[in-house]
Every structure is written in C-alpha cells, then in structure tokens.
Amino acid sequence: YHVPAGTQLFVNAWKIQRDPSVWEEPCQFQPERFLTRYKDIDVRGQNFELIPFGSGRRMCPAVSLGLQVVQLTLASLVHAFDFTTPSDEPVDMGEAMGLAIAKATPLEVILSPRLSASLYG
C-alpha cells in the first residue's frame, strides 16, 4: 500500500480481532481457544491478530501490571465464590454500539461464598 506522508491511520482493532480467516467462530465467546490453538499468541502487541493493549509506541504502558492484576483478581473471585445467573440461563454476550465495546444487557450474577465465613476473618 502507498500511504502519503502525514496521513492519519486508524487501526480497526475490533475488526482485526474478529477476522474469520484467523479466528474460528470469532463472535462466539470461547475463552478455551487460548488454552489450545492460540496459546502462543502474545497480547503485548507482537501478534497483530489480537491487540487488546494496542501496539507500538502508543500501546498501554501498564500492560504487565494489567495482566497480573486481572489474573490475581479472577483467581481470588473463582476461589472464593460460586457464580450463577438468576435464571440459570447462559450469560448474554451481545454487544452494544459505541466508542468502547459494552455489553448490550447488564451482567446479572449471583455470588455464593464457597468457603466458611470464618476463613475470611
């Protein structure tokens, strides 16, 4: 491609990360795909199929902190609680239009403690 000097480019990360030639069923919520076929994808901007933190000079400066905090928080929640939905229905993963991708419907879950309250003293 020829891009004239001074041209501003917009990278459509949403489209890139939902490319059916790269991702099998890209619009389906399948986190297990990152345990098998896509386990070696680097989310730090080196694999352009998945760029949740951006890439290059303008990527998120706290990517390492973010990855560690999310992992620790999720592990703590999964350890401490059982998760259910009010009607035992699957969670609606539909998306709403906007600048940031938001869920179309609010997430409604019920958290039930897995361990005795005395352990959280």
Protein backbone atom coordinates (compact mmCIF):
# COMPACT_ATOMS: atom_id res chain seq x y z
CA TYR A 1 0.00 0.00 0.00
CA HIS A 2 1.09 3.58 -0.61
CA VAL A 3 0.24 5.86 2.31
CA PRO A 4 1.09 9.53 1.70
CA ALA A 5 3.20 11.28 4.32
CA GLY A 6 1.16 12.97 7.05
CA THR A 7 -1.81 10.62 6.64
CA GLN A 8 -3.53 9.68 9.88
CA LEU A 9 -4.36 5.98 10.07
CA PHE A 10 -6.93 4.35 12.30
CA VAL A 11 -6.37 0.69 13.16
CA ASN A 12 -9.72 -1.06 13.49
CA ALA A 13 -8.78 -3.46 16.31
CA TRP A 14 -12.38 -4.65 16.60
CA LYS A 15 -12.36 -5.91 13.00
CA ILE A 16 -8.85 -7.35 13.21
CA GLN A 17 -9.72 -9.35 16.34
CA ARG A 18 -12.87 -10.77 14.69
CA ASP A 19 -11.33 -11.84 11.38
CA PRO A 20 -12.88 -15.20 10.40
CA SER A 21 -9.78 -16.10 8.36
CA VAL A 22 -7.79 -16.06 11.64
CA TRP A 23 -10.34 -16.94 14.34
CA GLU A 24 -12.70 -19.90 14.25
CA GLU A 25 -16.18 -18.53 15.10
CA PRO A 26 -14.77 -15.11 16.07
CA CYS A 27 -18.01 -13.74 17.53
CA GLN A 28 -18.53 -16.67 19.90
CA PHE A 29 -17.28 -16.37 23.48
CA GLN A 30 -14.76 -19.23 23.64
CA PRO A 31 -12.01 -18.43 26.17
CA GLU A 32 -10.77 -22.02 25.94
CA ARG A 33 -9.41 -21.25 22.45
CA PHE A 34 -6.44 -19.58 24.22
CA LEU A 35 -5.60 -22.83 26.02
CA THR A 36 -5.08 -24.79 22.80
CA ARG A 37 -4.74 -23.46 19.25
CA TYR A 38 -3.97 -19.83 20.14
CA LYS A 39 -2.00 -20.39 23.35
CA ASP A 40 1.19 -18.85 21.92
CA ILE A 41 -0.37 -15.54 20.85
CA ASP A 42 1.39 -12.62 22.52
CA VAL A 43 -1.11 -9.99 23.73
CA ARG A 44 1.70 -7.45 24.18
CA GLY A 45 1.45 -6.23 20.59
CA GLN A 46 3.68 -8.72 18.74
CA ASN A 47 0.86 -10.78 17.19
CA PHE A 48 -1.44 -8.45 15.30
CA GLU A 49 -4.34 -10.92 15.32
CA LEU A 50 -5.00 -9.91 18.93
CA ILE A 51 -4.04 -6.45 20.20
CA PRO A 52 -6.06 -5.77 23.37
CA PHE A 53 -3.41 -3.36 24.69
CA GLY A 54 -2.54 -1.72 21.39
CA SER A 55 0.84 -1.94 19.72
CA GLY A 56 3.97 0.05 19.13
CA ARG A 57 4.80 3.36 20.80
CA ARG A 58 1.19 4.02 21.79
CA MET A 59 0.42 0.71 23.45
CA CYS A 60 -0.82 0.62 27.05
CA PRO A 61 2.13 1.38 29.35
CA ALA A 62 0.68 -0.75 32.17
CA VAL A 63 0.17 -3.96 30.17
CA SER A 64 2.28 -6.07 32.58
CA LEU A 65 0.51 -4.69 35.65
CA GLY A 66 -2.88 -5.14 34.00
CA LEU A 67 -2.25 -8.78 33.12
CA GLN A 68 -1.07 -9.58 36.66
CA VAL A 69 -3.90 -7.73 38.43
CA VAL A 70 -6.60 -9.30 36.25
CA GLN A 71 -5.17 -12.79 36.81
CA LEU A 72 -4.93 -12.31 40.59
CA THR A 73 -8.41 -10.78 40.86
CA LEU A 74 -10.08 -13.51 38.80
CA ALA A 75 -8.27 -16.26 40.70
CA SER A 76 -9.38 -14.75 44.02
CA LEU A 77 -13.01 -14.48 42.89
CA VAL A 78 -13.14 -18.01 41.44
CA HIS A 79 -11.53 -19.39 44.62
CA ALA A 80 -13.96 -17.62 46.95
CA PHE A 81 -17.32 -17.78 45.13
CA ASP A 82 -19.63 -19.94 43.06
CA PHE A 83 -21.17 -17.97 40.17
CA THR A 84 -24.72 -18.49 38.89
CA THR A 85 -27.22 -16.42 36.95
CA PRO A 86 -30.62 -15.56 38.44
CA SER A 87 -32.47 -17.78 35.96
CA ASP A 88 -29.69 -20.35 35.35
CA GLU A 89 -29.60 -19.14 31.73
CA PRO A 90 -26.34 -18.61 29.82
CA VAL A 91 -24.94 -15.07 30.01
CA ASP A 92 -25.96 -12.88 27.05
CA MET A 93 -22.68 -11.81 25.43
CA GLY A 94 -24.30 -9.41 22.93
CA GLU A 95 -22.50 -6.12 22.37
CA ALA A 96 -23.81 -2.55 22.20
CA MET A 97 -22.58 0.07 19.73
CA GLY A 98 -20.33 2.84 20.99
CA LEU A 99 -16.78 4.07 21.25
CA ALA A 100 -15.93 1.28 23.70
CA ILE A 101 -17.42 -2.19 23.35
CA ALA A 102 -20.03 -2.61 26.07
CA LYS A 103 -22.42 -5.44 26.83
CA ALA A 104 -25.87 -4.94 25.34
CA THR A 105 -27.51 -6.14 28.56
CA PRO A 106 -26.27 -5.77 32.15
CA LEU A 107 -24.41 -8.72 33.65
CA GLU A 108 -26.53 -10.26 36.38
CA VAL A 109 -24.84 -12.92 38.50
CA ILE A 110 -25.30 -14.33 41.97
CA LEU A 111 -22.17 -14.89 44.03
CA SER A 112 -22.36 -17.57 46.70
CA PRO A 113 -19.45 -17.99 49.14
CA ARG A 114 -17.66 -21.31 48.61
CA LEU A 115 -15.91 -21.37 51.98
CA SER A 116 -16.92 -20.79 55.59
CA ALA A 117 -17.17 -17.11 56.58
CA SER A 118 -14.76 -17.80 59.46
CA LEU A 119 -11.95 -18.29 56.94
CA TYR A 120 -12.28 -14.70 55.71
CA GLY A 121 -11.96 -13.27 59.26
